[in-house]
């Protein structure tokens, strides 16, 4: 096998690029949280944020991490430190899913007493979680774990990332249409 790289970028590159998008949404969450000190819950914003964290951050981004990068690392002899970090990252993903689900439920009852305070708390938790999570991945994990892979494995991983993303939007909207069909057919 040739040691020549098909791609001139590490598999960590696309993941870190996605982090920059997630950081922008995290900043918007932080701004929304500050806005809530003086105004009512913006249900539309919360629903968009929930959609973003479910689809982009979790399904698209964490999907590539868990299904491609982490699964390949599980077949390697990695250091205890990297194994511990990977377990922490899995736990962070799970916590993010839980917080996002709770935020979605609260958006549906935004006008109820006590909801606004809980929304503020969840926004604070999500901001804190994603900031520390991204920092950990970018500074302590992604680049160091690339050393466990040879060039062929790195290129194969990037190919898998492209394949993963390729049909994502089609799957998403196909599922939305199926859900709407079920909902509308159930009304008849």
N, C-alpha and C. Protein backbone atom coordinates (compact mmCIF):
# COMPACT_ATOMS: atom_id res chain seq x y z
N UNK A 1 0.83 -1.19 0.00
CA UNK A 1 0.00 0.00 0.00
C UNK A 1 0.87 1.25 0.00
N UNK A 2 0.43 2.22 -0.72
CA UNK A 2 1.16 3.48 -0.79
C UNK A 2 0.89 4.31 0.46
N UNK A 3 1.91 5.02 0.87
CA UNK A 3 1.72 5.91 2.03
C UNK A 3 1.22 7.28 1.58
N UNK A 4 1.07 7.44 0.27
CA UNK A 4 0.55 8.70 -0.28
C UNK A 4 -0.88 8.91 0.19
N UNK A 5 -1.16 10.12 0.64
CA UNK A 5 -2.50 10.45 1.14
C UNK A 5 -3.40 10.85 -0.02
N UNK A 6 -4.59 10.33 -0.01
CA UNK A 6 -5.63 10.72 -0.96
C UNK A 6 -6.10 12.14 -0.63
N UNK A 7 -6.26 12.40 0.66
CA UNK A 7 -6.68 13.72 1.15
C UNK A 7 -5.52 14.37 1.89
N UNK A 8 -5.45 15.64 1.83
CA UNK A 8 -4.37 16.36 2.52
C UNK A 8 -4.81 16.86 3.89
N UNK A 9 -5.96 16.40 4.34
CA UNK A 9 -6.50 16.82 5.62
C UNK A 9 -6.65 15.58 6.52
N UNK A 10 -6.49 15.78 7.80
CA UNK A 10 -6.71 14.72 8.78
C UNK A 10 -8.21 14.53 8.97
N UNK A 11 -8.68 13.34 9.36
CA UNK A 11 -10.09 13.17 9.66
C UNK A 11 -10.59 14.12 10.75
N UNK A 12 -9.68 14.57 11.60
CA UNK A 12 -10.07 15.53 12.64
C UNK A 12 -10.52 16.86 12.02
N UNK A 13 -10.03 17.19 10.84
CA UNK A 13 -10.33 18.47 10.21
C UNK A 13 -11.81 18.72 9.99
N UNK A 14 -12.53 17.81 9.30
CA UNK A 14 -13.97 18.03 9.10
C UNK A 14 -14.75 18.10 10.42
N UNK A 15 -14.35 17.29 11.40
CA UNK A 15 -15.02 17.33 12.70
C UNK A 15 -14.81 18.68 13.39
N UNK A 16 -13.59 19.19 13.31
CA UNK A 16 -13.29 20.48 13.94
C UNK A 16 -14.00 21.62 13.20
N UNK A 17 -14.15 21.47 11.89
CA UNK A 17 -14.90 22.48 11.12
C UNK A 17 -16.36 22.50 11.57
N UNK A 18 -16.94 21.34 11.82
CA UNK A 18 -18.31 21.28 12.33
C UNK A 18 -18.40 21.92 13.71
N UNK A 19 -17.35 21.81 14.49
CA UNK A 19 -17.33 22.47 15.81
C UNK A 19 -17.53 23.97 15.69
N UNK A 20 -16.96 24.58 14.65
CA UNK A 20 -17.09 26.03 14.50
C UNK A 20 -18.56 26.40 14.29
N UNK A 21 -19.31 25.59 13.58
CA UNK A 21 -20.74 25.85 13.39
C UNK A 21 -21.49 25.68 14.71
N UNK A 22 -21.16 24.61 15.44
CA UNK A 22 -21.81 24.35 16.73
C UNK A 22 -21.51 25.48 17.70
N UNK A 23 -20.28 25.99 17.69
CA UNK A 23 -19.92 27.11 18.57
C UNK A 23 -20.77 28.34 18.28
N UNK A 24 -21.10 28.58 17.02
CA UNK A 24 -21.95 29.72 16.68
C UNK A 24 -23.34 29.55 17.30
N UNK A 25 -23.89 28.33 17.22
CA UNK A 25 -25.20 28.09 17.83
C UNK A 25 -25.11 28.20 19.35
N UNK A 26 -24.03 27.75 19.92
CA UNK A 26 -23.85 27.86 21.38
C UNK A 26 -23.84 29.33 21.78
N UNK A 27 -23.20 30.17 20.99
CA UNK A 27 -23.21 31.62 21.28
C UNK A 27 -24.63 32.19 21.18
N UNK A 28 -25.40 31.70 20.22
CA UNK A 28 -26.79 32.13 20.11
C UNK A 28 -27.60 31.69 21.32
N UNK A 29 -27.33 30.48 21.82
CA UNK A 29 -28.00 30.02 23.05
C UNK A 29 -27.66 30.94 24.21
N UNK A 30 -26.40 31.30 24.31
CA UNK A 30 -25.97 32.18 25.40
C UNK A 30 -26.66 33.54 25.30
N UNK A 31 -26.77 34.07 24.10
CA UNK A 31 -27.46 35.35 23.91
C UNK A 31 -28.94 35.22 24.25
N UNK A 32 -29.55 34.12 23.84
CA UNK A 32 -30.97 33.89 24.15
C UNK A 32 -31.18 33.81 25.65
N UNK A 33 -30.28 33.17 26.32
CA UNK A 33 -30.36 33.04 27.77
C UNK A 33 -30.35 34.43 28.43
N UNK A 34 -29.49 35.31 27.95
CA UNK A 34 -29.43 36.68 28.48
C UNK A 34 -30.72 37.44 28.16
N UNK A 35 -31.27 37.21 26.99
CA UNK A 35 -32.51 37.85 26.58
C UNK A 35 -33.67 37.45 27.50
N UNK A 36 -33.63 36.22 27.98
CA UNK A 36 -34.71 35.72 28.83
C UNK A 36 -34.80 36.43 30.18
N UNK A 37 -33.77 37.16 30.53
CA UNK A 37 -33.82 37.94 31.77
C UNK A 37 -34.86 39.06 31.66
N UNK A 38 -35.15 39.48 30.40
CA UNK A 38 -36.04 40.62 30.19
C UNK A 38 -37.26 40.30 29.33
N UNK A 39 -37.36 39.07 28.83
CA UNK A 39 -38.47 38.77 27.93
C UNK A 39 -38.98 37.34 28.13
N UNK A 40 -40.05 37.02 27.40
CA UNK A 40 -40.64 35.68 27.47
C UNK A 40 -39.81 34.70 26.65
N UNK A 41 -40.10 33.44 26.85
CA UNK A 41 -39.44 32.37 26.10
C UNK A 41 -39.82 32.48 24.63
N UNK A 42 -38.83 32.45 23.77
CA UNK A 42 -39.04 32.46 22.32
C UNK A 42 -39.15 31.01 21.86
N UNK A 43 -40.37 30.53 21.77
CA UNK A 43 -40.61 29.12 21.44
C UNK A 43 -40.03 28.77 20.07
N UNK A 44 -40.17 29.67 19.12
CA UNK A 44 -39.65 29.41 17.77
C UNK A 44 -38.13 29.20 17.83
N UNK A 45 -37.42 30.07 18.55
CA UNK A 45 -35.97 29.91 18.69
C UNK A 45 -35.64 28.57 19.34
N UNK A 46 -36.36 28.22 20.41
CA UNK A 46 -36.08 26.96 21.10
C UNK A 46 -36.28 25.77 20.17
N UNK A 47 -37.33 25.79 19.38
CA UNK A 47 -37.59 24.68 18.45
C UNK A 47 -36.48 24.58 17.40
N UNK A 48 -36.03 25.71 16.91
CA UNK A 48 -34.93 25.70 15.94
C UNK A 48 -33.65 25.19 16.60
N UNK A 49 -33.39 25.63 17.83
CA UNK A 49 -32.20 25.17 18.56
C UNK A 49 -32.27 23.66 18.81
N UNK A 50 -33.44 23.18 19.20
CA UNK A 50 -33.62 21.73 19.43
C UNK A 50 -33.35 20.98 18.13
N UNK A 51 -33.91 21.46 17.03
CA UNK A 51 -33.69 20.82 15.74
C UNK A 51 -32.20 20.81 15.39
N UNK A 52 -31.53 21.93 15.60
CA UNK A 52 -30.10 22.02 15.32
C UNK A 52 -29.32 21.00 16.15
N UNK A 53 -29.56 20.96 17.45
CA UNK A 53 -28.79 20.05 18.30
C UNK A 53 -29.12 18.59 18.03
N UNK A 54 -30.35 18.30 17.69
CA UNK A 54 -30.71 16.91 17.38
C UNK A 54 -30.13 16.47 16.04
N UNK A 55 -30.30 17.32 15.04
CA UNK A 55 -29.94 16.89 13.69
C UNK A 55 -28.46 17.16 13.38
N UNK A 56 -28.03 18.40 13.53
CA UNK A 56 -26.65 18.73 13.14
C UNK A 56 -25.64 18.27 14.19
N UNK A 57 -25.80 18.74 15.42
CA UNK A 57 -24.80 18.43 16.44
C UNK A 57 -24.80 16.94 16.80
N UNK A 58 -25.98 16.37 17.00
CA UNK A 58 -26.01 14.98 17.45
C UNK A 58 -25.99 13.99 16.30
N UNK A 59 -26.98 14.05 15.43
CA UNK A 59 -27.05 13.04 14.37
C UNK A 59 -25.87 13.14 13.40
N UNK A 60 -25.64 14.32 12.88
CA UNK A 60 -24.58 14.50 11.87
C UNK A 60 -23.19 14.45 12.51
N UNK A 61 -22.94 15.33 13.45
CA UNK A 61 -21.58 15.45 14.02
C UNK A 61 -21.25 14.29 14.97
N UNK A 62 -22.06 14.10 15.99
CA UNK A 62 -21.77 13.01 16.93
C UNK A 62 -21.90 11.65 16.25
N UNK A 63 -22.75 11.57 15.24
CA UNK A 63 -22.87 10.33 14.48
C UNK A 63 -21.54 9.94 13.84
N UNK A 64 -20.88 10.91 13.25
CA UNK A 64 -19.56 10.62 12.65
C UNK A 64 -18.54 10.27 13.73
N UNK A 65 -18.59 10.97 14.84
CA UNK A 65 -17.65 10.65 15.93
C UNK A 65 -17.88 9.23 16.44
N UNK A 66 -19.10 8.94 16.81
CA UNK A 66 -19.40 7.65 17.45
C UNK A 66 -19.32 6.48 16.46
N UNK A 67 -19.97 6.63 15.30
CA UNK A 67 -20.09 5.51 14.36
C UNK A 67 -18.82 5.28 13.53
N UNK A 68 -18.01 6.31 13.40
CA UNK A 68 -16.82 6.15 12.55
C UNK A 68 -15.53 6.26 13.37
N UNK A 69 -15.25 7.44 13.93
CA UNK A 69 -13.98 7.62 14.64
C UNK A 69 -13.88 6.74 15.89
N UNK A 70 -14.85 6.85 16.79
CA UNK A 70 -14.77 6.10 18.05
C UNK A 70 -14.80 4.59 17.80
N UNK A 71 -15.63 4.16 16.85
CA UNK A 71 -15.71 2.72 16.60
C UNK A 71 -14.39 2.18 16.07
N UNK A 72 -13.68 2.98 15.30
CA UNK A 72 -12.36 2.54 14.81
C UNK A 72 -11.32 2.56 15.93
N UNK A 73 -11.46 3.52 16.84
CA UNK A 73 -10.54 3.56 17.98
C UNK A 73 -10.74 2.37 18.91
N UNK A 74 -11.98 1.87 18.98
CA UNK A 74 -12.25 0.72 19.84
C UNK A 74 -11.51 -0.53 19.37
N UNK A 75 -11.09 -0.53 18.10
CA UNK A 75 -10.32 -1.66 17.55
C UNK A 75 -8.82 -1.46 17.66
N UNK A 76 -8.42 -0.38 18.29
CA UNK A 76 -6.99 -0.05 18.45
C UNK A 76 -6.61 -0.17 19.92
N UNK A 77 -5.34 -0.35 20.14
CA UNK A 77 -4.82 -0.29 21.51
C UNK A 77 -4.46 1.16 21.77
N UNK A 78 -5.38 1.87 22.43
CA UNK A 78 -5.16 3.28 22.70
C UNK A 78 -4.76 3.46 24.16
N UNK A 79 -4.17 4.60 24.44
CA UNK A 79 -3.72 4.87 25.81
C UNK A 79 -4.91 4.94 26.77
N UNK A 80 -4.63 4.73 28.02
CA UNK A 80 -5.66 4.82 29.06
C UNK A 80 -6.27 6.23 29.06
N UNK A 81 -5.42 7.23 28.89
CA UNK A 81 -5.89 8.62 28.86
C UNK A 81 -6.89 8.84 27.72
N UNK A 82 -6.57 8.36 26.52
CA UNK A 82 -7.47 8.55 25.39
C UNK A 82 -8.75 7.73 25.57
N UNK A 83 -8.64 6.56 26.16
CA UNK A 83 -9.83 5.75 26.43
C UNK A 83 -10.76 6.47 27.40
N UNK A 84 -10.18 7.05 28.45
CA UNK A 84 -10.98 7.79 29.44
C UNK A 84 -11.65 9.01 28.81
N UNK A 85 -10.91 9.72 27.98
CA UNK A 85 -11.48 10.89 27.31
C UNK A 85 -12.63 10.47 26.39
N UNK A 86 -12.42 9.37 25.65
CA UNK A 86 -13.47 8.90 24.75
C UNK A 86 -14.74 8.54 25.53
N UNK A 87 -14.58 7.92 26.67
CA UNK A 87 -15.74 7.59 27.52
C UNK A 87 -16.43 8.86 28.02
N UNK A 88 -15.65 9.88 28.37
CA UNK A 88 -16.22 11.17 28.78
C UNK A 88 -16.99 11.80 27.63
N UNK A 89 -16.44 11.70 26.42
CA UNK A 89 -17.11 12.28 25.25
C UNK A 89 -18.44 11.59 24.97
N UNK A 90 -18.46 10.25 25.07
CA UNK A 90 -19.73 9.51 24.94
C UNK A 90 -20.74 10.00 25.98
N UNK A 91 -20.28 10.17 27.23
CA UNK A 91 -21.17 10.64 28.30
C UNK A 91 -21.69 12.05 28.00
N UNK A 92 -20.82 12.90 27.47
CA UNK A 92 -21.25 14.25 27.08
C UNK A 92 -22.34 14.19 26.01
N UNK A 93 -22.16 13.32 25.03
CA UNK A 93 -23.17 13.18 23.96
C UNK A 93 -24.51 12.78 24.56
N UNK A 94 -24.47 11.83 25.47
CA UNK A 94 -25.69 11.36 26.12
C UNK A 94 -26.35 12.49 26.92
N UNK A 95 -25.54 13.26 27.65
CA UNK A 95 -26.08 14.37 28.42
C UNK A 95 -26.68 15.43 27.50
N UNK A 96 -26.01 15.71 26.38
CA UNK A 96 -26.54 16.68 25.42
C UNK A 96 -27.89 16.25 24.87
N UNK A 97 -28.04 14.95 24.59
CA UNK A 97 -29.32 14.42 24.10
C UNK A 97 -30.41 14.62 25.15
N UNK A 98 -30.08 14.34 26.39
CA UNK A 98 -31.04 14.47 27.49
C UNK A 98 -31.48 15.93 27.65
N UNK A 99 -30.52 16.84 27.65
CA UNK A 99 -30.84 18.27 27.80
C UNK A 99 -31.66 18.78 26.62
N UNK A 100 -31.32 18.34 25.43
CA UNK A 100 -32.06 18.76 24.24
C UNK A 100 -33.50 18.25 24.29
N UNK A 101 -33.68 17.02 24.72
CA UNK A 101 -35.04 16.47 24.85
C UNK A 101 -35.84 17.27 25.87
N UNK A 102 -35.22 17.61 26.98
CA UNK A 102 -35.91 18.38 28.01
C UNK A 102 -36.25 19.79 27.50
N UNK A 103 -35.33 20.39 26.75
CA UNK A 103 -35.59 21.72 26.18
C UNK A 103 -36.78 21.66 25.22
N UNK A 104 -36.85 20.61 24.43
CA UNK A 104 -37.96 20.44 23.50
C UNK A 104 -39.29 20.33 24.26
N UNK A 105 -39.30 19.55 25.32
CA UNK A 105 -40.51 19.40 26.13
C UNK A 105 -40.93 20.72 26.77
N UNK A 106 -39.95 21.49 27.22
CA UNK A 106 -40.26 22.78 27.84
C UNK A 106 -40.78 23.79 26.83
N UNK A 107 -40.27 23.72 25.61
CA UNK A 107 -40.75 24.65 24.57
C UNK A 107 -42.24 24.46 24.34
N UNK A 108 -42.71 23.24 24.50
CA UNK A 108 -44.14 22.95 24.31
C UNK A 108 -45.01 23.50 25.42
N UNK A 109 -44.41 23.83 26.55
CA UNK A 109 -45.19 24.39 27.66
C UNK A 109 -44.55 25.68 28.18
N UNK A 110 -44.11 26.49 27.24
CA UNK A 110 -43.35 27.71 27.55
C UNK A 110 -44.10 28.71 28.43
N UNK A 111 -45.40 28.70 28.36
CA UNK A 111 -46.19 29.69 29.12
C UNK A 111 -46.50 29.24 30.54
N UNK A 112 -46.19 28.00 30.88
CA UNK A 112 -46.48 27.51 32.23
C UNK A 112 -45.51 28.09 33.25
N UNK A 113 -45.99 28.23 34.47
CA UNK A 113 -45.18 28.78 35.57
C UNK A 113 -43.94 27.90 35.79
N UNK A 114 -42.81 28.55 36.00
CA UNK A 114 -41.56 27.85 36.30
C UNK A 114 -40.79 27.38 35.08
N UNK A 115 -41.45 27.41 33.93
CA UNK A 115 -40.80 26.90 32.71
C UNK A 115 -39.61 27.78 32.31
N UNK A 116 -39.81 29.08 32.38
CA UNK A 116 -38.75 30.00 31.96
C UNK A 116 -37.47 29.77 32.75
N UNK A 117 -37.58 29.58 34.06
CA UNK A 117 -36.39 29.34 34.89
C UNK A 117 -35.68 28.06 34.48
N UNK A 118 -36.45 27.02 34.18
CA UNK A 118 -35.84 25.75 33.76
C UNK A 118 -35.20 25.88 32.38
N UNK A 119 -35.83 26.65 31.48
CA UNK A 119 -35.24 26.90 30.17
C UNK A 119 -33.89 27.60 30.34
N UNK A 120 -33.85 28.61 31.21
CA UNK A 120 -32.59 29.32 31.48
C UNK A 120 -31.53 28.35 31.97
N UNK A 121 -31.90 27.48 32.89
CA UNK A 121 -30.94 26.50 33.42
C UNK A 121 -30.42 25.56 32.34
N UNK A 122 -31.32 25.09 31.49
CA UNK A 122 -30.90 24.16 30.43
C UNK A 122 -30.00 24.87 29.42
N UNK A 123 -30.35 26.10 29.07
CA UNK A 123 -29.48 26.85 28.15
C UNK A 123 -28.09 27.01 28.75
N UNK A 124 -28.02 27.35 30.04
CA UNK A 124 -26.72 27.45 30.72
C UNK A 124 -25.96 26.13 30.66
N UNK A 125 -26.67 25.03 30.92
CA UNK A 125 -26.03 23.71 30.91
C UNK A 125 -25.54 23.34 29.51
N UNK A 126 -26.35 23.61 28.49
CA UNK A 126 -25.93 23.29 27.12
C UNK A 126 -24.72 24.12 26.70
N UNK A 127 -24.73 25.40 27.04
CA UNK A 127 -23.59 26.26 26.70
C UNK A 127 -22.32 25.73 27.37
N UNK A 128 -22.40 25.46 28.64
CA UNK A 128 -21.25 24.95 29.38
C UNK A 128 -20.79 23.60 28.83
N UNK A 129 -21.74 22.69 28.62
CA UNK A 129 -21.43 21.35 28.13
C UNK A 129 -20.71 21.41 26.79
N UNK A 130 -21.28 22.12 25.82
CA UNK A 130 -20.68 22.14 24.49
C UNK A 130 -19.35 22.88 24.46
N UNK A 131 -19.22 23.93 25.24
CA UNK A 131 -17.93 24.64 25.24
C UNK A 131 -16.81 23.74 25.75
N UNK A 132 -17.04 23.08 26.89
CA UNK A 132 -15.98 22.22 27.44
C UNK A 132 -15.78 20.99 26.57
N UNK A 133 -16.85 20.47 26.00
CA UNK A 133 -16.79 19.28 25.15
C UNK A 133 -15.94 19.55 23.90
N UNK A 134 -16.23 20.65 23.23
CA UNK A 134 -15.50 21.01 22.02
C UNK A 134 -14.03 21.28 22.35
N UNK A 135 -13.78 21.97 23.44
CA UNK A 135 -12.39 22.24 23.83
C UNK A 135 -11.64 20.93 24.08
N UNK A 136 -12.29 19.99 24.76
CA UNK A 136 -11.66 18.70 25.06
C UNK A 136 -11.34 17.95 23.76
N UNK A 137 -12.31 17.92 22.84
CA UNK A 137 -12.07 17.20 21.59
C UNK A 137 -10.98 17.88 20.76
N UNK A 138 -11.08 19.21 20.62
CA UNK A 138 -10.11 19.93 19.79
C UNK A 138 -8.70 19.92 20.36
N UNK A 139 -8.57 20.06 21.68
CA UNK A 139 -7.25 20.25 22.27
C UNK A 139 -6.63 18.99 22.88
N UNK A 140 -7.46 18.01 23.25
CA UNK A 140 -6.91 16.85 23.93
C UNK A 140 -7.15 15.52 23.21
N UNK A 141 -8.00 15.51 22.20
CA UNK A 141 -8.39 14.21 21.68
C UNK A 141 -8.20 14.05 20.17
N UNK A 142 -8.87 14.85 19.37
CA UNK A 142 -8.89 14.61 17.93
C UNK A 142 -7.50 14.47 17.31
N UNK A 143 -6.65 15.45 17.49
CA UNK A 143 -5.34 15.40 16.84
C UNK A 143 -4.45 14.29 17.41
N UNK A 144 -4.38 14.13 18.73
CA UNK A 144 -3.54 13.05 19.25
C UNK A 144 -3.97 11.65 18.79
N UNK A 145 -5.27 11.39 18.67
CA UNK A 145 -5.70 10.04 18.29
C UNK A 145 -5.48 9.75 16.81
N UNK A 146 -5.21 10.77 16.03
CA UNK A 146 -4.91 10.53 14.61
C UNK A 146 -3.64 9.68 14.46
N UNK A 147 -2.77 9.72 15.47
CA UNK A 147 -1.52 8.94 15.41
C UNK A 147 -1.76 7.43 15.46
N UNK A 148 -2.95 7.01 15.86
CA UNK A 148 -3.27 5.58 15.91
C UNK A 148 -3.59 5.01 14.52
N UNK A 149 -3.74 5.88 13.53
CA UNK A 149 -4.16 5.45 12.20
C UNK A 149 -3.06 5.70 11.17
N UNK A 150 -2.96 4.78 10.21
CA UNK A 150 -2.04 5.04 9.10
C UNK A 150 -2.78 5.86 8.04
N UNK A 151 -2.07 6.26 7.00
CA UNK A 151 -2.65 7.14 5.98
C UNK A 151 -3.85 6.50 5.28
N UNK A 152 -3.78 5.21 5.00
CA UNK A 152 -4.89 4.52 4.34
C UNK A 152 -6.13 4.55 5.23
N UNK A 153 -5.95 4.30 6.52
CA UNK A 153 -7.08 4.33 7.46
C UNK A 153 -7.66 5.74 7.58
N UNK A 154 -6.80 6.74 7.58
CA UNK A 154 -7.27 8.13 7.66
C UNK A 154 -8.10 8.49 6.43
N UNK A 155 -7.61 8.12 5.26
CA UNK A 155 -8.36 8.41 4.04
C UNK A 155 -9.69 7.65 4.02
N UNK A 156 -9.69 6.42 4.48
CA UNK A 156 -10.92 5.63 4.53
C UNK A 156 -11.93 6.28 5.48
N UNK A 157 -11.42 6.84 6.57
CA UNK A 157 -12.31 7.51 7.53
C UNK A 157 -12.95 8.75 6.89
N UNK A 158 -12.17 9.52 6.17
CA UNK A 158 -12.72 10.71 5.51
C UNK A 158 -13.75 10.28 4.46
N UNK A 159 -13.46 9.21 3.72
CA UNK A 159 -14.46 8.69 2.77
C UNK A 159 -15.76 8.34 3.49
N UNK A 160 -15.65 7.70 4.64
CA UNK A 160 -16.84 7.34 5.43
C UNK A 160 -17.59 8.58 5.89
N UNK A 161 -16.85 9.64 6.27
CA UNK A 161 -17.49 10.90 6.66
C UNK A 161 -18.32 11.43 5.49
N UNK A 162 -17.73 11.44 4.29
CA UNK A 162 -18.45 11.92 3.10
C UNK A 162 -19.69 11.07 2.84
N UNK A 163 -19.52 9.75 2.93
CA UNK A 163 -20.66 8.85 2.71
C UNK A 163 -21.75 9.09 3.75
N UNK A 164 -21.34 9.30 4.98
CA UNK A 164 -22.29 9.54 6.07
C UNK A 164 -23.13 10.79 5.78
N UNK A 165 -22.46 11.86 5.35
CA UNK A 165 -23.14 13.13 5.08
C UNK A 165 -23.96 13.12 3.79
N UNK A 166 -23.53 12.32 2.83
CA UNK A 166 -24.09 12.36 1.49
C UNK A 166 -25.61 12.22 1.45
N UNK A 167 -26.14 11.29 2.19
CA UNK A 167 -27.57 11.03 2.15
C UNK A 167 -28.33 11.58 3.34
N UNK A 168 -27.64 12.30 4.19
CA UNK A 168 -28.24 12.76 5.44
C UNK A 168 -29.49 13.60 5.22
N UNK A 169 -29.42 14.57 4.35
CA UNK A 169 -30.56 15.46 4.13
C UNK A 169 -31.73 14.70 3.53
N UNK A 170 -31.44 13.75 2.65
CA UNK A 170 -32.50 12.96 2.03
C UNK A 170 -33.19 12.07 3.07
N UNK A 171 -32.41 11.46 3.93
CA UNK A 171 -32.98 10.65 5.00
C UNK A 171 -33.84 11.50 5.93
N UNK A 172 -33.33 12.68 6.25
CA UNK A 172 -34.03 13.57 7.18
C UNK A 172 -35.42 13.94 6.65
N UNK A 173 -35.46 14.41 5.42
CA UNK A 173 -36.73 14.88 4.90
C UNK A 173 -37.64 13.73 4.49
N UNK A 174 -37.09 12.61 4.15
CA UNK A 174 -37.91 11.43 3.91
C UNK A 174 -38.61 11.02 5.20
N UNK A 175 -37.87 11.07 6.31
CA UNK A 175 -38.47 10.76 7.61
C UNK A 175 -39.54 11.77 8.00
N UNK A 176 -39.30 13.04 7.73
CA UNK A 176 -40.29 14.08 8.05
C UNK A 176 -41.57 13.83 7.28
N UNK A 177 -41.44 13.53 5.98
CA UNK A 177 -42.62 13.28 5.16
C UNK A 177 -43.37 12.04 5.68
N UNK A 178 -42.63 11.00 6.03
CA UNK A 178 -43.27 9.78 6.56
C UNK A 178 -44.02 10.07 7.85
N UNK A 179 -43.42 10.86 8.73
CA UNK A 179 -44.08 11.22 9.99
C UNK A 179 -45.35 12.04 9.73
N UNK A 180 -45.27 12.98 8.79
CA UNK A 180 -46.45 13.77 8.44
C UNK A 180 -47.55 12.91 7.84
N UNK A 181 -47.16 11.96 6.99
CA UNK A 181 -48.15 11.06 6.40
C UNK A 181 -48.86 10.26 7.50
N UNK A 182 -48.08 9.73 8.44
CA UNK A 182 -48.67 8.98 9.54
C UNK A 182 -49.62 9.84 10.36
N UNK A 183 -49.17 11.06 10.64
CA UNK A 183 -49.99 11.99 11.44
C UNK A 183 -51.28 12.35 10.70
N UNK A 184 -51.16 12.67 9.42
CA UNK A 184 -52.34 13.10 8.64
C UNK A 184 -53.27 11.91 8.34
N UNK A 185 -52.71 10.76 8.09
CA UNK A 185 -53.53 9.58 7.83
C UNK A 185 -54.23 9.12 9.10
N UNK A 186 -53.63 9.39 10.23
CA UNK A 186 -54.24 9.04 11.52
C UNK A 186 -55.42 9.93 11.86
N UNK A 187 -55.48 11.13 11.27
CA UNK A 187 -56.57 12.08 11.54
C UNK A 187 -57.85 11.71 10.79
N UNK A 188 -57.70 10.96 9.72
CA UNK A 188 -58.87 10.68 8.86
C UNK A 188 -59.81 9.70 9.48
